[in-house]
């Protein structure tokens, strides 16, 4: 069974019962994704957290203000964009596979 089969499992069981017993199965009621208590907790937590978040943003103590994080993410983006962004390119009617091994730029003709 793949994931799509589990979402309709109740309907499939109701159809099976109706087919075998000729009894009418009522509508299938599903609970909401989040209960009212969970929604209330999320709203309350967000309202309590907002002043602390504003204070951190004003003081410059967020992850977006961390220069080491920006440096690491820029190296990550550069390396993987070079490695995976240019694997297949068309040149002169053929495919070139560019292997981005730490910026070496080795190209192989296929």
Protein backbone atom coordinates (compact mmCIF):
# COMPACT_ATOMS: atom_id res chain seq x y z
CA UNK A 1 0.00 0.00 0.00
CA UNK A 2 1.28 3.42 -0.83
CA UNK A 3 0.48 6.61 1.08
CA UNK A 4 -2.55 7.46 -1.04
CA UNK A 5 -4.26 4.21 -0.04
CA UNK A 6 -4.15 5.07 3.67
CA UNK A 7 -6.00 8.35 3.18
CA UNK A 8 -9.00 6.53 1.70
CA UNK A 9 -8.83 3.47 3.92
CA UNK A 10 -12.06 4.31 5.79
CA UNK A 11 -13.94 4.86 2.53
CA UNK A 12 -12.64 1.58 1.15
CA UNK A 13 -13.74 -0.29 4.25
CA UNK A 14 -17.20 1.35 4.11
CA UNK A 15 -17.53 0.41 0.42
CA UNK A 16 -16.51 -3.18 1.22
CA UNK A 17 -19.11 -3.45 4.01
CA UNK A 18 -21.81 -1.99 1.78
CA UNK A 19 -20.93 -4.39 -1.03
CA UNK A 20 -20.88 -7.50 1.17
CA UNK A 21 -23.76 -6.83 3.56
CA UNK A 22 -25.94 -4.40 1.57
CA UNK A 23 -26.10 -2.18 4.68
CA UNK A 24 -25.83 1.57 4.37
CA UNK A 25 -22.80 2.96 6.17
CA UNK A 26 -23.21 6.55 7.35
CA UNK A 27 -20.87 9.39 6.54
CA UNK A 28 -17.32 9.16 7.84
CA UNK A 29 -16.52 11.96 10.27
CA UNK A 30 -12.89 12.97 10.56
CA UNK A 31 -11.54 15.17 13.35
CA UNK A 32 -9.94 18.49 12.39
CA UNK A 33 -6.20 18.62 11.89
CA UNK A 34 -5.73 20.74 15.04
CA UNK A 35 -8.10 20.73 17.99
CA UNK A 36 -9.35 23.94 19.58
CA UNK A 37 -7.03 23.39 22.56
CA UNK A 38 -4.04 23.01 20.27
CA UNK A 39 -4.99 26.14 18.33
CA UNK A 40 -5.45 28.06 21.58
CA UNK A 41 -2.04 26.91 22.82
CA UNK A 42 -0.38 27.96 19.55
CA UNK A 43 -2.03 31.40 19.65
CA UNK A 44 -1.16 31.91 23.34
CA UNK A 45 2.46 30.84 22.82
CA UNK A 46 2.80 33.13 19.81
CA UNK A 47 1.38 36.11 21.70
CA UNK A 48 3.76 35.51 24.62
CA UNK A 49 6.76 35.06 22.29
CA UNK A 50 6.21 38.20 20.14
CA UNK A 51 7.72 40.73 22.63
CA UNK A 52 10.82 38.56 23.08
CA UNK A 53 11.21 38.22 19.31
CA UNK A 54 10.94 41.98 18.81
CA UNK A 55 13.55 42.54 21.53
CA UNK A 56 15.95 40.06 19.89
CA UNK A 57 15.48 41.64 16.46
CA UNK A 58 16.14 45.15 17.78
CA UNK A 59 19.26 44.03 19.66
CA UNK A 60 20.53 42.08 16.64
CA UNK A 61 20.74 38.70 18.33
CA UNK A 62 18.96 36.56 15.73
CA UNK A 63 20.40 33.93 13.43
CA UNK A 64 20.07 36.37 10.54
CA UNK A 65 22.52 38.69 12.29
CA UNK A 66 25.16 35.96 12.73
CA UNK A 67 28.03 36.48 10.23
CA UNK A 68 29.33 32.92 10.68
CA UNK A 69 25.98 31.51 9.60
CA UNK A 70 25.97 33.73 6.49
CA UNK A 71 29.50 32.62 5.60
CA UNK A 72 28.71 28.93 6.07
CA UNK A 73 25.48 29.17 4.09
CA UNK A 74 27.14 31.07 1.23
CA UNK A 75 29.87 28.41 0.95
CA UNK A 76 27.19 25.71 1.08
CA UNK A 77 25.14 27.36 -1.67
CA UNK A 78 28.20 28.02 -3.85
CA UNK A 79 29.54 24.48 -3.56
CA UNK A 80 26.26 22.68 -4.16
CA UNK A 81 25.08 25.03 -6.89
CA UNK A 82 28.32 24.35 -8.74
CA UNK A 83 28.20 20.63 -8.00
CA UNK A 84 24.58 19.91 -8.92
CA UNK A 85 23.58 22.96 -10.96
CA UNK A 86 25.77 22.19 -13.93
CA UNK A 87 25.80 18.42 -14.25
CA UNK A 88 24.17 18.39 -17.67
CA UNK A 89 24.68 21.16 -20.19
CA UNK A 90 24.22 21.24 -23.89
CA UNK A 91 27.22 22.39 -25.90
CA UNK A 92 27.73 21.91 -29.61
CA UNK A 93 24.70 19.64 -29.83
CA UNK A 94 26.01 17.14 -27.26
CA UNK A 95 25.76 16.76 -23.52
CA UNK A 96 28.59 17.82 -21.26
CA UNK A 97 28.78 16.50 -17.76
CA UNK A 98 30.54 18.95 -15.51
CA UNK A 99 31.86 17.45 -12.32
CA UNK A 100 32.09 20.12 -9.67
CA UNK A 101 34.76 18.63 -7.48
CA UNK A 102 35.56 21.54 -5.15
CA UNK A 103 35.53 24.03 -8.00
CA UNK A 104 37.83 22.10 -10.33
CA UNK A 105 35.49 22.31 -13.34
CA UNK A 106 36.45 18.96 -14.93
CA UNK A 107 34.26 18.29 -17.96
CA UNK A 108 33.58 14.99 -19.68
CA UNK A 109 31.97 14.55 -23.10
CA UNK A 110 29.22 11.92 -23.27
